[in-house]
Amino acid sequence: MQTVQSYDKVTFTIPHFLNQQLENLKNEFKISKSEVLKNAVEEYLQKQEKIRMEKSINMMMGEYKNDKSLTEFTALDSEDFR
């Protein structure tokens, strides 16, 4: 079963030199400018999500280190319970 994606048209301006580089990529890879930009936006959003996750992890690590109640059972982490 194939899902149908809906698309939005987005209009924006970029400097001429970036548009020229975009045109070169389009020609080199034989894909549309829309495809190049869609791929770039997807990659950027993935990168930003990774940055957000890393910030959250670092914040929680700080909380874990600073909250004595969270570290009380750390010594048991390596215990072999049978």
PDB file of N, CA and C in Angstrom:
ATOM      1  N   MET A   1       0.834  -1.173   0.000  1.00  0.00           N
ATOM      2  CA  MET A   1       0.000   0.000   0.000  1.00  0.00           C
ATOM      3  C   MET A   1       0.886   1.246   0.000  1.00  0.00           C
ATOM      4  N   GLN A   2       0.615   2.124  -0.918  1.00  0.00           N
ATOM      5  CA  GLN A   2       1.433   3.325  -1.062  1.00  0.00           C
ATOM      6  C   GLN A   2       0.686   4.524  -0.483  1.00  0.00           C
ATOM      7  N   THR A   3       1.405   5.310   0.316  1.00  0.00           N
ATOM      8  CA  THR A   3       0.795   6.505   0.885  1.00  0.00           C
ATOM      9  C   THR A   3       1.036   7.685  -0.054  1.00  0.00           C
ATOM     10  N   VAL A   4       0.062   8.545  -0.150  1.00  0.00           N
ATOM     11  CA  VAL A   4       0.159   9.723  -1.006  1.00  0.00           C
ATOM     12  C   VAL A   4       0.644  10.894  -0.170  1.00  0.00           C
ATOM     13  N   GLN A   5       1.720  11.533  -0.636  1.00  0.00           N
ATOM     14  CA  GLN A   5       2.246  12.701   0.061  1.00  0.00           C
ATOM     15  C   GLN A   5       1.644  13.958  -0.547  1.00  0.00           C
ATOM     16  N   SER A   6       1.336  14.893   0.298  1.00  0.00           N
ATOM     17  CA  SER A   6       0.907  16.192  -0.216  1.00  0.00           C
ATOM     18  C   SER A   6       2.101  17.134  -0.166  1.00  0.00           C
ATOM     19  N   TYR A   7       2.108  18.065  -1.067  1.00  0.00           N
ATOM     20  CA  TYR A   7       3.220  18.994  -1.166  1.00  0.00           C
ATOM     21  C   TYR A   7       2.718  20.423  -1.052  1.00  0.00           C
ATOM     22  N   ASP A   8       3.562  21.286  -0.501  1.00  0.00           N
ATOM     23  CA  ASP A   8       3.295  22.715  -0.440  1.00  0.00           C
ATOM     24  C   ASP A   8       4.297  23.421  -1.340  1.00  0.00           C
ATOM     25  N   LYS A   9       3.838  24.449  -1.994  1.00  0.00           N
ATOM     26  CA  LYS A   9       4.731  25.268  -2.796  1.00  0.00           C
ATOM     27  C   LYS A   9       5.293  26.362  -1.900  1.00  0.00           C
ATOM     28  N   VAL A  10       6.612  26.516  -1.918  1.00  0.00           N
ATOM     29  CA  VAL A  10       7.295  27.500  -1.082  1.00  0.00           C
ATOM     30  C   VAL A  10       8.085  28.420  -2.008  1.00  0.00           C
ATOM     31  N   THR A  11       7.937  29.697  -1.800  1.00  0.00           N
ATOM     32  CA  THR A  11       8.667  30.675  -2.601  1.00  0.00           C
ATOM     33  C   THR A  11       9.600  31.453  -1.679  1.00  0.00           C
ATOM     34  N   PHE A  12      10.854  31.571  -2.086  1.00  0.00           N
ATOM     35  CA  PHE A  12      11.811  32.339  -1.302  1.00  0.00           C
ATOM     36  C   PHE A  12      12.890  32.873  -2.222  1.00  0.00           C
ATOM     37  N   THR A  13      13.666  33.781  -1.730  1.00  0.00           N
ATOM     38  CA  THR A  13      14.753  34.355  -2.526  1.00  0.00           C
ATOM     39  C   THR A  13      16.093  33.947  -1.926  1.00  0.00           C
ATOM     40  N   ILE A  14      17.054  33.759  -2.807  1.00  0.00           N
ATOM     41  CA  ILE A  14      18.427  33.459  -2.393  1.00  0.00           C
ATOM     42  C   ILE A  14      19.364  34.315  -3.236  1.00  0.00           C
ATOM     43  N   PRO A  15      20.566  34.534  -2.752  1.00  0.00           N
ATOM     44  CA  PRO A  15      21.528  35.305  -3.541  1.00  0.00           C
ATOM     45  C   PRO A  15      21.814  34.613  -4.884  1.00  0.00           C
ATOM     46  N   HIS A  16      22.148  35.409  -5.880  1.00  0.00           N
ATOM     47  CA  HIS A  16      22.385  34.892  -7.229  1.00  0.00           C
ATOM     48  C   HIS A  16      23.437  33.786  -7.239  1.00  0.00           C
ATOM     49  N   PHE A  17      24.538  33.980  -6.503  1.00  0.00           N
ATOM     50  CA  PHE A  17      25.613  32.975  -6.527  1.00  0.00           C
ATOM     51  C   PHE A  17      25.143  31.627  -5.984  1.00  0.00           C
ATOM     52  N   LEU A  18      24.226  31.638  -4.984  1.00  0.00           N
ATOM     53  CA  LEU A  18      23.687  30.367  -4.481  1.00  0.00           C
ATOM     54  C   LEU A  18      22.771  29.727  -5.516  1.00  0.00           C
ATOM     55  N   ASN A  19      21.986  30.541  -6.192  1.00  0.00           N
ATOM     56  CA  ASN A  19      21.117  30.008  -7.236  1.00  0.00           C
ATOM     57  C   ASN A  19      21.946  29.393  -8.362  1.00  0.00           C
ATOM     58  N   GLN A  20      23.074  30.015  -8.677  1.00  0.00           N
ATOM     59  CA  GLN A  20      23.952  29.477  -9.716  1.00  0.00           C
ATOM     60  C   GLN A  20      24.535  28.130  -9.279  1.00  0.00           C
ATOM     61  N   GLN A  21      24.931  28.029  -8.016  1.00  0.00           N
ATOM     62  CA  GLN A  21      25.441  26.750  -7.502  1.00  0.00           C
ATOM     63  C   GLN A  21      24.341  25.695  -7.502  1.00  0.00           C
ATOM     64  N   LEU A  22      23.148  26.107  -7.169  1.00  0.00           N
ATOM     65  CA  LEU A  22      22.002  25.201  -7.194  1.00  0.00           C
ATOM     66  C   LEU A  22      21.739  24.718  -8.618  1.00  0.00           C
ATOM     67  N   GLU A  23      21.819  25.610  -9.558  1.00  0.00           N
ATOM     68  CA  GLU A  23      21.638  25.263 -10.976  1.00  0.00           C
ATOM     69  C   GLU A  23      22.708  24.268 -11.414  1.00  0.00           C
ATOM     70  N   ASN A  24      23.951  24.475 -10.978  1.00  0.00           N
ATOM     71  CA  ASN A  24      25.039  23.556 -11.316  1.00  0.00           C
ATOM     72  C   ASN A  24      24.786  22.166 -10.741  1.00  0.00           C
ATOM     73  N   LEU A  25      24.324  22.106  -9.484  1.00  0.00           N
ATOM     74  CA  LEU A  25      24.007  20.804  -8.878  1.00  0.00           C
ATOM     75  C   LEU A  25      22.880  20.107  -9.626  1.00  0.00           C
ATOM     76  N   LYS A  26      21.874  20.876  -9.968  1.00  0.00           N
ATOM     77  CA  LYS A  26      20.719  20.339 -10.703  1.00  0.00           C
ATOM     78  C   LYS A  26      21.197  19.681 -12.000  1.00  0.00           C
ATOM     79  N   ASN A  27      22.054  20.373 -12.724  1.00  0.00           N
ATOM     80  CA  ASN A  27      22.562  19.849 -13.994  1.00  0.00           C
ATOM     81  C   ASN A  27      23.487  18.655 -13.795  1.00  0.00           C
ATOM     82  N   GLU A  28      24.327  18.736 -12.787  1.00  0.00           N
ATOM     83  CA  GLU A  28      25.286  17.651 -12.534  1.00  0.00           C
ATOM     84  C   GLU A  28      24.590  16.351 -12.153  1.00  0.00           C
ATOM     85  N   PHE A  29      23.592  16.442 -11.274  1.00  0.00           N
ATOM     86  CA  PHE A  29      22.930  15.240 -10.786  1.00  0.00           C
ATOM     87  C   PHE A  29      21.649  14.896 -11.541  1.00  0.00           C
ATOM     88  N   LYS A  30      21.303  15.735 -12.518  1.00  0.00           N
ATOM     89  CA  LYS A  30      20.114  15.495 -13.348  1.00  0.00           C
ATOM     90  C   LYS A  30      18.851  15.352 -12.513  1.00  0.00           C
ATOM     91  N   ILE A  31      18.699  16.260 -11.557  1.00  0.00           N
ATOM     92  CA  ILE A  31      17.490  16.304 -10.734  1.00  0.00           C
ATOM     93  C   ILE A  31      17.003  17.743 -10.674  1.00  0.00           C
ATOM     94  N   SER A  32      15.786  17.928 -10.245  1.00  0.00           N
ATOM     95  CA  SER A  32      15.216  19.276 -10.187  1.00  0.00           C
ATOM     96  C   SER A  32      15.802  20.072  -9.021  1.00  0.00           C
ATOM     97  N   LYS A  33      15.679  21.381  -9.122  1.00  0.00           N
ATOM     98  CA  LYS A  33      16.086  22.239  -8.016  1.00  0.00           C
ATOM     99  C   LYS A  33      15.261  21.900  -6.782  1.00  0.00           C
ATOM    100  N   SER A  34      13.995  21.609  -6.986  1.00  0.00           N
ATOM    101  CA  SER A  34      13.124  21.243  -5.862  1.00  0.00           C
ATOM    102  C   SER A  34      13.664  20.028  -5.120  1.00  0.00           C
ATOM    103  N   GLU A  35      14.145  19.049  -5.862  1.00  0.00           N
ATOM    104  CA  GLU A  35      14.690  17.838  -5.235  1.00  0.00           C
ATOM    105  C   GLU A  35      15.967  18.152  -4.459  1.00  0.00           C
ATOM    106  N   VAL A  36      16.834  18.979  -5.040  1.00  0.00           N
ATOM    107  CA  VAL A  36      18.069  19.382  -4.345  1.00  0.00           C
ATOM    108  C   VAL A  36      17.716  20.094  -3.050  1.00  0.00           C
ATOM    109  N   LEU A  37      16.776  21.038  -3.117  1.00  0.00           N
ATOM    110  CA  LEU A  37      16.391  21.807  -1.929  1.00  0.00           C
ATOM    111  C   LEU A  37      15.676  20.934  -0.903  1.00  0.00           C
ATOM    112  N   LYS A  38      14.821  20.031  -1.360  1.00  0.00           N
ATOM    113  CA  LYS A  38      14.126  19.120  -0.441  1.00  0.00           C
ATOM    114  C   LYS A  38      15.150  18.277   0.323  1.00  0.00           C
ATOM    115  N   ASN A  39      16.135  17.750  -0.390  1.00  0.00           N
ATOM    116  CA  ASN A  39      17.179  16.949   0.256  1.00  0.00           C
ATOM    117  C   ASN A  39      17.976  17.785   1.253  1.00  0.00           C
ATOM    118  N   ALA A  40      18.282  19.030   0.888  1.00  0.00           N
ATOM    119  CA  ALA A  40      19.049  19.912   1.777  1.00  0.00           C
ATOM    120  C   ALA A  40      18.249  20.230   3.037  1.00  0.00           C
ATOM    121  N   VAL A  41      16.958  20.494   2.890  1.00  0.00           N
ATOM    122  CA  VAL A  41      16.120  20.806   4.053  1.00  0.00           C
ATOM    123  C   VAL A  41      15.995  19.581   4.947  1.00  0.00           C
ATOM    124  N   GLU A  42      15.790  18.404   4.364  1.00  0.00           N
ATOM    125  CA  GLU A  42      15.704  17.176   5.164  1.00  0.00           C
ATOM    126  C   GLU A  42      16.984  16.950   5.960  1.00  0.00           C
ATOM    127  N   GLU A  43      18.136  17.119   5.304  1.00  0.00           N
ATOM    128  CA  GLU A  43      19.422  16.939   5.981  1.00  0.00           C
ATOM    129  C   GLU A  43      19.589  17.959   7.103  1.00  0.00           C
ATOM    130  N   TYR A  44      19.216  19.209   6.848  1.00  0.00           N
ATOM    131  CA  TYR A  44      19.315  20.257   7.861  1.00  0.00           C
ATOM    132  C   TYR A  44      18.428  19.938   9.065  1.00  0.00           C
ATOM    133  N   LEU A  45      17.196  19.501   8.809  1.00  0.00           N
ATOM    134  CA  LEU A  45      16.277  19.185   9.907  1.00  0.00           C
ATOM    135  C   LEU A  45      16.789  18.003  10.731  1.00  0.00           C
ATOM    136  N   GLN A  46      17.364  17.003  10.075  1.00  0.00           N
ATOM    137  CA  GLN A  46      17.953  15.867  10.803  1.00  0.00           C
ATOM    138  C   GLN A  46      19.109  16.340  11.674  1.00  0.00           C
ATOM    139  N   LYS A  47      19.934  17.220  11.135  1.00  0.00           N
ATOM    140  CA  LYS A  47      21.067  17.760  11.896  1.00  0.00           C
ATOM    141  C   LYS A  47      20.574  18.532  13.121  1.00  0.00           C
ATOM    142  N   GLN A  48      19.540  19.352  12.937  1.00  0.00           N
ATOM    143  CA  GLN A  48      18.998  20.127  14.051  1.00  0.00           C
ATOM    144  C   GLN A  48      18.377  19.214  15.110  1.00  0.00           C
ATOM    145  N   GLU A  49      17.715  18.146  14.687  1.00  0.00           N
ATOM    146  CA  GLU A  49      17.138  17.195  15.645  1.00  0.00           C
ATOM    147  C   GLU A  49      18.240  16.521  16.459  1.00  0.00           C
ATOM    148  N   LYS A  50      19.341  16.175  15.789  1.00  0.00           N
ATOM    149  CA  LYS A  50      20.477  15.572  16.492  1.00  0.00           C
ATOM    150  C   LYS A  50      21.048  16.550  17.521  1.00  0.00           C
ATOM    151  N   ILE A  51      21.167  17.817  17.150  1.00  0.00           N
ATOM    152  CA  ILE A  51      21.672  18.842  18.073  1.00  0.00           C
ATOM    153  C   ILE A  51      20.737  18.977  19.270  1.00  0.00           C
ATOM    154  N   ARG A  52      19.424  18.993  19.027  1.00  0.00           N
ATOM    155  CA  ARG A  52      18.445  19.082  20.130  1.00  0.00           C
ATOM    156  C   ARG A  52      18.562  17.880  21.059  1.00  0.00           C
ATOM    157  N   MET A  53      18.708  16.694  20.476  1.00  0.00           N
ATOM    158  CA  MET A  53      18.841  15.492  21.300  1.00  0.00           C
ATOM    159  C   MET A  53      20.118  15.547  22.142  1.00  0.00           C
ATOM    160  N   GLU A  54      21.211  15.992  21.549  1.00  0.00           N
ATOM    161  CA  GLU A  54      22.471  16.088  22.287  1.00  0.00           C
ATOM    162  C   GLU A  54      22.352  17.083  23.431  1.00  0.00           C
ATOM    163  N   LYS A  55      21.666  18.207  23.202  1.00  0.00           N
ATOM    164  CA  LYS A  55      21.454  19.185  24.272  1.00  0.00           C
ATOM    165  C   LYS A  55      20.638  18.576  25.405  1.00  0.00           C
ATOM    166  N   SER A  56      19.595  17.838  25.050  1.00  0.00           N
ATOM    167  CA  SER A  56      18.755  17.189  26.063  1.00  0.00           C
ATOM    168  C   SER A  56      19.544  16.161  26.855  1.00  0.00           C
ATOM    169  N   ILE A  57      20.350  15.390  26.150  1.00  0.00           N
ATOM    170  CA  ILE A  57      21.174  14.367  26.814  1.00  0.00           C
ATOM    171  C   ILE A  57      22.158  15.030  27.771  1.00  0.00           C
ATOM    172  N   ASN A  58      22.813  16.089  27.310  1.00  0.00           N
ATOM    173  CA  ASN A  58      23.775  16.785  28.166  1.00  0.00           C
ATOM    174  C   ASN A  58      23.098  17.404  29.383  1.00  0.00           C
ATOM    175  N   MET A  59      21.893  17.947  29.193  1.00  0.00           N
ATOM    176  CA  MET A  59      21.163  18.517  30.308  1.00  0.00           C
ATOM    177  C   MET A  59      20.811  17.422  31.326  1.00  0.00           C
ATOM    178  N   MET A  60      20.339  16.282  30.834  1.00  0.00           N
ATOM    179  CA  MET A  60      19.978  15.187  31.735  1.00  0.00           C
ATOM    180  C   MET A  60      21.211  14.603  32.423  1.00  0.00           C
ATOM    181  N   MET A  61      22.321  14.557  31.728  1.00  0.00           N
ATOM    182  CA  MET A  61      23.558  14.072  32.360  1.00  0.00           C
ATOM    183  C   MET A  61      23.948  14.987  33.506  1.00  0.00           C
ATOM    184  N   GLY A  62      23.783  16.299  33.299  1.00  0.00           N
ATOM    185  CA  GLY A  62      24.069  17.260  34.355  1.00  0.00           C
ATOM    186  C   GLY A  62      23.144  17.058  35.538  1.00  0.00           C
ATOM    187  N   GLU A  63      21.868  16.810  35.263  1.00  0.00           N
ATOM    188  CA  GLU A  63      20.902  16.552  36.332  1.00  0.00           C
ATOM    189  C   GLU A  63      21.273  15.276  37.082  1.00  0.00           C
ATOM    190  N   TYR A  64      21.654  14.257  36.346  1.00  0.00           N
ATOM    191  CA  TYR A  64      22.004  12.983  36.948  1.00  0.00           C
ATOM    192  C   TYR A  64      23.213  13.137  37.874  1.00  0.00           C
ATOM    193  N   LYS A  65      24.201  13.893  37.440  1.00  0.00           N
ATOM    194  CA  LYS A  65      25.413  14.086  38.245  1.00  0.00           C
ATOM    195  C   LYS A  65      25.142  14.955  39.470  1.00  0.00           C
ATOM    196  N   ASN A  66      24.234  15.928  39.352  1.00  0.00           N
ATOM    197  CA  ASN A  66      23.976  16.870  40.435  1.00  0.00           C
ATOM    198  C   ASN A  66      22.932  16.390  41.439  1.00  0.00           C
ATOM    199  N   ASP A  67      22.149  15.403  41.105  1.00  0.00           N
ATOM    200  CA  ASP A  67      21.072  14.942  41.984  1.00  0.00           C
ATOM    201  C   ASP A  67      21.521  13.663  42.690  1.00  0.00           C
ATOM    202  N   LYS A  68      21.853  13.783  43.964  1.00  0.00           N
ATOM    203  CA  LYS A  68      22.370  12.655  44.747  1.00  0.00           C
ATOM    204  C   LYS A  68      21.405  11.468  44.742  1.00  0.00           C
ATOM    205  N   SER A  69      20.103  11.750  44.758  1.00  0.00           N
ATOM    206  CA  SER A  69      19.132  10.652  44.798  1.00  0.00           C
ATOM    207  C   SER A  69      19.164   9.829  43.521  1.00  0.00           C
ATOM    208  N   LEU A  70      19.586  10.428  42.424  1.00  0.00           N
ATOM    209  CA  LEU A  70      19.652   9.677  41.173  1.00  0.00           C
ATOM    210  C   LEU A  70      20.881   8.789  41.092  1.00  0.00           C
ATOM    211  N   THR A  71      21.876   9.051  41.928  1.00  0.00           N
ATOM    212  CA  THR A  71      23.113   8.276  41.865  1.00  0.00           C
ATOM    213  C   THR A  71      23.236   7.249  42.990  1.00  0.00           C
ATOM    214  N   GLU A  72      22.232   7.148  43.861  1.00  0.00           N
ATOM    215  CA  GLU A  72      22.336   6.245  44.999  1.00  0.00           C
ATOM    216  C   GLU A  72      22.498   4.783  44.601  1.00  0.00           C
ATOM    217  N   PHE A  73      21.925   4.371  43.494  1.00  0.00           N
ATOM    218  CA  PHE A  73      21.999   2.976  43.092  1.00  0.00           C
ATOM    219  C   PHE A  73      23.066   2.710  42.033  1.00  0.00           C
ATOM    220  N   THR A  74      23.902   3.684  41.755  1.00  0.00           N
ATOM    221  CA  THR A  74      24.930   3.532  40.742  1.00  0.00           C
ATOM    222  C   THR A  74      25.865   2.378  41.087  1.00  0.00           C
ATOM    223  N   ALA A  75      26.177   2.204  42.356  1.00  0.00           N
ATOM    224  CA  ALA A  75      27.076   1.136  42.764  1.00  0.00           C
ATOM    225  C   ALA A  75      26.495  -0.230  42.446  1.00  0.00           C
ATOM    226  N   LEU A  76      25.193  -0.345  42.370  1.00  0.00           N
ATOM    227  CA  LEU A  76      24.555  -1.633  42.080  1.00  0.00           C
ATOM    228  C   LEU A  76      24.513  -1.934  40.584  1.00  0.00           C
ATOM    229  N   ASP A  77      24.774  -0.932  39.763  1.00  0.00           N
ATOM    230  CA  ASP A  77      24.673  -1.131  38.322  1.00  0.00           C
ATOM    231  C   ASP A  77      25.524  -2.286  37.812  1.00  0.00           C
ATOM    232  N   SER A  78      26.671  -2.510  38.412  1.00  0.00           N
ATOM    233  CA  SER A  78      27.545  -3.575  37.923  1.00  0.00           C
ATOM    234  C   SER A  78      27.341  -4.889  38.666  1.00  0.00           C
ATOM    235  N   GLU A  79      26.459  -4.900  39.657  1.00  0.00           N
ATOM    236  CA  GLU A  79      26.197  -6.117  40.411  1.00  0.00           C
ATOM    237  C   GLU A  79      25.524  -7.152  39.533  1.00  0.00           C
ATOM    238  N   ASP A  80      25.858  -8.378  39.728  1.00  0.00           N
ATOM    239  CA  ASP A  80      25.242  -9.476  38.997  1.00  0.00           C
ATOM    240  C   ASP A  80      24.145 -10.073  39.869  1.00  0.00           C
ATOM    241  N   PHE A  81      22.911  -9.772  39.574  1.00  0.00           N
ATOM    242  CA  PHE A  81      21.792 -10.275  40.367  1.00  0.00           C
ATOM    243  C   PHE A  81      21.297 -11.587  39.773  1.00  0.00           C
ATOM    244  N   ARG A  82      21.255 -12.614  40.611  1.00  0.00           N
ATOM    245  CA  ARG A  82      20.759 -13.931  40.168  1.00  0.00           C
ATOM    246  C   ARG A  82      19.792 -14.460  41.161  1.00  0.00           C
TER     247      ARG A  82
END
